[in-house]
Amino acid sequence: YHAIMEECQGIKFQSKKEARYFRELQLRVHVGEVKYFLSQVPFRLDGGVKYRVDFMEVWTDGSIHWIDVKGFRTEAYRIKRKTVEANYPIKIEEV
């Protein structure tokens, strides 16, 4: 889908857009908007399928945001996202 991998601080990201979002999250932590974040958080689905959300952000107000950085939304992605949201009490946001 024409995504160009990019490395940032020794971490390989699937796209330049995802690396850019990672840098934005670091700034948000620095200014105190976000307490911390995790990347590539796995969810197990039926049939041995694993789905990884790009970022889990814990904000200073206590809220948790589940973020997927997408350039192109494949049908497989849409199905897995709906399955995760149906099986776990989360809502995945796309940027």
N, C-alpha and C. Protein backbone atom coordinates (compact mmCIF):
# COMPACT_ATOMS: atom_id res chain seq x y z
N TYR A 1 0.81 -1.20 0.00
CA TYR A 1 0.00 0.00 0.00
C TYR A 1 0.86 1.27 0.00
N HIS A 2 2.09 1.09 -0.44
CA HIS A 2 3.05 2.17 -0.66
C HIS A 2 3.56 2.81 0.63
N ALA A 3 3.37 2.15 1.76
CA ALA A 3 3.90 2.69 3.02
C ALA A 3 5.41 2.48 3.02
N ILE A 4 6.12 3.47 3.50
CA ILE A 4 7.58 3.40 3.57
C ILE A 4 7.98 3.26 5.03
N MET A 5 8.68 2.15 5.34
CA MET A 5 9.12 1.93 6.72
C MET A 5 10.08 3.04 7.13
N GLU A 6 10.02 3.37 8.42
CA GLU A 6 10.91 4.40 8.96
C GLU A 6 11.38 3.97 10.34
N GLU A 7 12.64 4.25 10.63
CA GLU A 7 13.20 3.95 11.93
C GLU A 7 13.32 5.25 12.72
N CYS A 8 12.92 5.17 13.98
CA CYS A 8 12.99 6.33 14.86
C CYS A 8 13.45 5.85 16.22
N GLN A 9 14.56 6.35 16.69
CA GLN A 9 15.13 5.97 17.99
C GLN A 9 15.33 4.46 18.10
N GLY A 10 15.74 3.85 17.01
CA GLY A 10 16.01 2.42 17.00
C GLY A 10 14.78 1.54 16.86
N ILE A 11 13.61 2.13 16.70
CA ILE A 11 12.36 1.39 16.54
C ILE A 11 11.94 1.47 15.09
N LYS A 12 11.61 0.33 14.49
CA LYS A 12 11.15 0.31 13.10
C LYS A 12 9.63 0.41 13.06
N PHE A 13 9.15 1.38 12.32
CA PHE A 13 7.71 1.60 12.16
C PHE A 13 7.30 1.22 10.74
N GLN A 14 6.05 0.76 10.61
CA GLN A 14 5.55 0.30 9.33
C GLN A 14 5.35 1.43 8.32
N SER A 15 5.30 2.67 8.80
CA SER A 15 5.10 3.79 7.88
C SER A 15 5.70 5.06 8.48
N LYS A 16 5.92 6.04 7.62
CA LYS A 16 6.39 7.34 8.08
C LYS A 16 5.33 8.00 8.97
N LYS A 17 4.07 7.77 8.63
CA LYS A 17 2.97 8.34 9.41
C LYS A 17 2.97 7.80 10.83
N GLU A 18 3.23 6.51 11.00
CA GLU A 18 3.26 5.92 12.34
C GLU A 18 4.45 6.45 13.14
N ALA A 19 5.60 6.61 12.50
CA ALA A 19 6.78 7.17 13.17
C ALA A 19 6.52 8.61 13.59
N ARG A 20 5.86 9.37 12.73
CA ARG A 20 5.53 10.76 13.06
C ARG A 20 4.59 10.81 14.26
N TYR A 21 3.61 9.91 14.32
CA TYR A 21 2.68 9.88 15.45
C TYR A 21 3.42 9.51 16.73
N PHE A 22 4.39 8.59 16.65
CA PHE A 22 5.21 8.22 17.79
C PHE A 22 5.94 9.45 18.35
N ARG A 23 6.51 10.26 17.47
CA ARG A 23 7.20 11.47 17.92
C ARG A 23 6.22 12.46 18.56
N GLU A 24 5.01 12.56 18.02
CA GLU A 24 3.99 13.43 18.60
C GLU A 24 3.62 12.95 20.01
N LEU A 25 3.51 11.64 20.18
CA LEU A 25 3.19 11.10 21.50
C LEU A 25 4.29 11.41 22.50
N GLN A 26 5.53 11.33 22.07
CA GLN A 26 6.63 11.67 22.96
C GLN A 26 6.53 13.12 23.42
N LEU A 27 6.15 14.00 22.53
CA LEU A 27 5.95 15.41 22.89
C LEU A 27 4.80 15.57 23.88
N ARG A 28 3.71 14.82 23.65
CA ARG A 28 2.57 14.89 24.55
C ARG A 28 2.93 14.42 25.95
N VAL A 29 3.80 13.41 26.04
CA VAL A 29 4.27 12.95 27.35
C VAL A 29 5.12 14.06 27.98
N HIS A 30 5.98 14.66 27.19
CA HIS A 30 6.88 15.70 27.70
C HIS A 30 6.12 16.91 28.26
N VAL A 31 5.03 17.29 27.59
CA VAL A 31 4.26 18.45 28.06
C VAL A 31 3.22 18.09 29.12
N GLY A 32 3.07 16.78 29.41
CA GLY A 32 2.18 16.37 30.49
C GLY A 32 0.76 16.04 30.08
N GLU A 33 0.47 15.99 28.81
CA GLU A 33 -0.88 15.65 28.35
C GLU A 33 -1.13 14.15 28.46
N VAL A 34 -0.09 13.37 28.17
CA VAL A 34 -0.16 11.91 28.23
C VAL A 34 0.81 11.43 29.30
N LYS A 35 0.35 10.51 30.17
CA LYS A 35 1.24 9.96 31.21
C LYS A 35 2.29 9.06 30.58
N TYR A 36 1.80 8.10 29.78
CA TYR A 36 2.69 7.18 29.09
C TYR A 36 1.92 6.50 27.96
N PHE A 37 2.66 5.79 27.13
CA PHE A 37 2.02 5.05 26.05
C PHE A 37 2.79 3.77 25.78
N LEU A 38 2.08 2.80 25.21
CA LEU A 38 2.66 1.54 24.79
C LEU A 38 2.42 1.38 23.30
N SER A 39 3.30 0.67 22.63
CA SER A 39 3.10 0.45 21.20
C SER A 39 2.97 -1.04 20.91
N GLN A 40 2.26 -1.33 19.83
CA GLN A 40 2.04 -2.70 19.34
C GLN A 40 1.46 -3.60 20.43
N VAL A 41 0.33 -3.17 20.98
CA VAL A 41 -0.34 -3.91 22.06
C VAL A 41 -1.19 -5.02 21.44
N PRO A 42 -0.92 -6.28 21.83
CA PRO A 42 -1.62 -7.41 21.19
C PRO A 42 -2.98 -7.73 21.82
N PHE A 43 -3.89 -8.18 20.97
CA PHE A 43 -5.18 -8.72 21.39
C PHE A 43 -5.32 -10.08 20.74
N ARG A 44 -5.70 -11.07 21.53
CA ARG A 44 -5.90 -12.42 21.00
C ARG A 44 -7.35 -12.58 20.58
N LEU A 45 -7.52 -13.15 19.38
CA LEU A 45 -8.85 -13.39 18.85
C LEU A 45 -9.02 -14.89 18.61
N ASP A 46 -10.24 -15.32 18.37
CA ASP A 46 -10.51 -16.74 18.10
C ASP A 46 -9.69 -17.23 16.92
N GLY A 47 -9.38 -18.51 16.95
CA GLY A 47 -8.65 -19.13 15.84
C GLY A 47 -7.16 -18.84 15.86
N GLY A 48 -6.64 -18.39 16.99
CA GLY A 48 -5.21 -18.11 17.09
C GLY A 48 -4.79 -16.82 16.41
N VAL A 49 -5.75 -16.00 16.06
CA VAL A 49 -5.46 -14.73 15.39
C VAL A 49 -5.04 -13.70 16.44
N LYS A 50 -4.04 -12.92 16.11
CA LYS A 50 -3.57 -11.86 17.01
C LYS A 50 -3.68 -10.53 16.25
N TYR A 51 -4.24 -9.55 16.92
CA TYR A 51 -4.35 -8.20 16.34
C TYR A 51 -3.55 -7.26 17.22
N ARG A 52 -2.74 -6.41 16.63
CA ARG A 52 -1.94 -5.46 17.38
C ARG A 52 -2.42 -4.04 17.08
N VAL A 53 -2.81 -3.34 18.13
CA VAL A 53 -3.17 -1.94 17.99
C VAL A 53 -1.86 -1.14 18.08
N ASP A 54 -1.73 -0.11 17.26
CA ASP A 54 -0.46 0.62 17.18
C ASP A 54 -0.05 1.26 18.50
N PHE A 55 -0.98 1.94 19.17
CA PHE A 55 -0.63 2.63 20.42
C PHE A 55 -1.76 2.57 21.43
N MET A 56 -1.40 2.39 22.70
CA MET A 56 -2.31 2.54 23.82
C MET A 56 -1.79 3.74 24.61
N GLU A 57 -2.60 4.79 24.70
CA GLU A 57 -2.19 6.02 25.38
C GLU A 57 -2.95 6.14 26.71
N VAL A 58 -2.22 6.40 27.77
CA VAL A 58 -2.83 6.67 29.07
C VAL A 58 -2.66 8.17 29.32
N TRP A 59 -3.77 8.90 29.29
CA TRP A 59 -3.75 10.35 29.44
C TRP A 59 -3.75 10.73 30.92
N THR A 60 -3.35 11.95 31.20
CA THR A 60 -3.26 12.41 32.59
C THR A 60 -4.62 12.49 33.28
N ASP A 61 -5.71 12.57 32.51
CA ASP A 61 -7.04 12.59 33.11
C ASP A 61 -7.54 11.17 33.44
N GLY A 62 -6.70 10.16 33.17
CA GLY A 62 -7.05 8.78 33.46
C GLY A 62 -7.67 8.02 32.31
N SER A 63 -8.00 8.70 31.23
CA SER A 63 -8.60 8.02 30.09
C SER A 63 -7.53 7.25 29.30
N ILE A 64 -8.00 6.19 28.65
CA ILE A 64 -7.13 5.37 27.83
C ILE A 64 -7.63 5.43 26.39
N HIS A 65 -6.71 5.69 25.48
CA HIS A 65 -7.05 5.78 24.06
C HIS A 65 -6.29 4.70 23.30
N TRP A 66 -7.01 3.98 22.45
CA TRP A 66 -6.44 2.92 21.62
C TRP A 66 -6.36 3.48 20.20
N ILE A 67 -5.15 3.58 19.66
CA ILE A 67 -4.94 4.29 18.40
C ILE A 67 -4.33 3.37 17.35
N ASP A 68 -4.91 3.39 16.16
CA ASP A 68 -4.31 2.76 14.99
C ASP A 68 -4.01 3.85 13.98
N VAL A 69 -2.78 3.87 13.52
CA VAL A 69 -2.36 4.85 12.51
C VAL A 69 -2.54 4.17 11.16
N LYS A 70 -3.45 4.68 10.36
CA LYS A 70 -3.78 4.03 9.10
C LYS A 70 -3.65 4.99 7.92
N GLY A 71 -3.10 4.47 6.86
CA GLY A 71 -3.09 5.19 5.59
C GLY A 71 -4.13 4.58 4.68
N PHE A 72 -4.22 3.24 4.72
CA PHE A 72 -5.17 2.50 3.89
C PHE A 72 -5.85 1.45 4.75
N ARG A 73 -7.16 1.38 4.69
CA ARG A 73 -7.93 0.45 5.51
C ARG A 73 -8.32 -0.77 4.68
N THR A 74 -7.67 -1.89 4.96
CA THR A 74 -7.99 -3.12 4.24
C THR A 74 -9.23 -3.76 4.84
N GLU A 75 -9.84 -4.66 4.10
CA GLU A 75 -11.01 -5.37 4.60
C GLU A 75 -10.63 -6.24 5.80
N ALA A 76 -9.45 -6.87 5.75
CA ALA A 76 -8.99 -7.69 6.88
C ALA A 76 -8.85 -6.83 8.14
N TYR A 77 -8.32 -5.62 7.99
CA TYR A 77 -8.21 -4.71 9.14
C TYR A 77 -9.58 -4.38 9.70
N ARG A 78 -10.52 -4.05 8.84
CA ARG A 78 -11.86 -3.69 9.30
C ARG A 78 -12.51 -4.82 10.10
N ILE A 79 -12.36 -6.05 9.60
CA ILE A 79 -12.94 -7.20 10.27
C ILE A 79 -12.29 -7.42 11.63
N LYS A 80 -10.95 -7.39 11.68
CA LYS A 80 -10.25 -7.59 12.95
C LYS A 80 -10.58 -6.50 13.95
N ARG A 81 -10.65 -5.26 13.48
CA ARG A 81 -10.98 -4.15 14.38
C ARG A 81 -12.36 -4.35 15.00
N LYS A 82 -13.34 -4.70 14.18
CA LYS A 82 -14.70 -4.93 14.69
C LYS A 82 -14.73 -6.09 15.67
N THR A 83 -13.94 -7.13 15.39
CA THR A 83 -13.88 -8.29 16.27
C THR A 83 -13.27 -7.92 17.61
N VAL A 84 -12.19 -7.14 17.59
CA VAL A 84 -11.57 -6.69 18.84
C VAL A 84 -12.57 -5.87 19.64
N GLU A 85 -13.22 -4.92 19.00
CA GLU A 85 -14.17 -4.05 19.70
C GLU A 85 -15.37 -4.82 20.24
N ALA A 86 -15.73 -5.93 19.58
CA ALA A 86 -16.85 -6.74 20.04
C ALA A 86 -16.45 -7.62 21.23
N ASN A 87 -15.17 -7.97 21.32
CA ASN A 87 -14.71 -8.89 22.36
C ASN A 87 -14.02 -8.21 23.55
N TYR A 88 -13.64 -6.98 23.39
CA TYR A 88 -12.96 -6.24 24.44
C TYR A 88 -13.68 -4.91 24.65
N PRO A 89 -13.66 -4.39 25.87
CA PRO A 89 -14.39 -3.12 26.14
C PRO A 89 -13.58 -1.90 25.72
N ILE A 90 -13.23 -1.83 24.44
CA ILE A 90 -12.45 -0.70 23.94
C ILE A 90 -13.04 -0.18 22.64
N LYS A 91 -12.64 1.03 22.28
CA LYS A 91 -12.98 1.63 20.99
C LYS A 91 -11.66 2.06 20.35
N ILE A 92 -11.37 1.55 19.17
CA ILE A 92 -10.11 1.88 18.49
C ILE A 92 -10.33 3.13 17.65
N GLU A 93 -9.47 4.12 17.87
CA GLU A 93 -9.52 5.37 17.11
C GLU A 93 -8.50 5.28 15.98
N GLU A 94 -8.85 5.81 14.83
CA GLU A 94 -7.94 5.83 13.69
C GLU A 94 -7.42 7.25 13.47
N VAL A 95 -6.14 7.33 13.18
CA VAL A 95 -5.55 8.63 12.81
C VAL A 95 -4.81 8.47 11.51
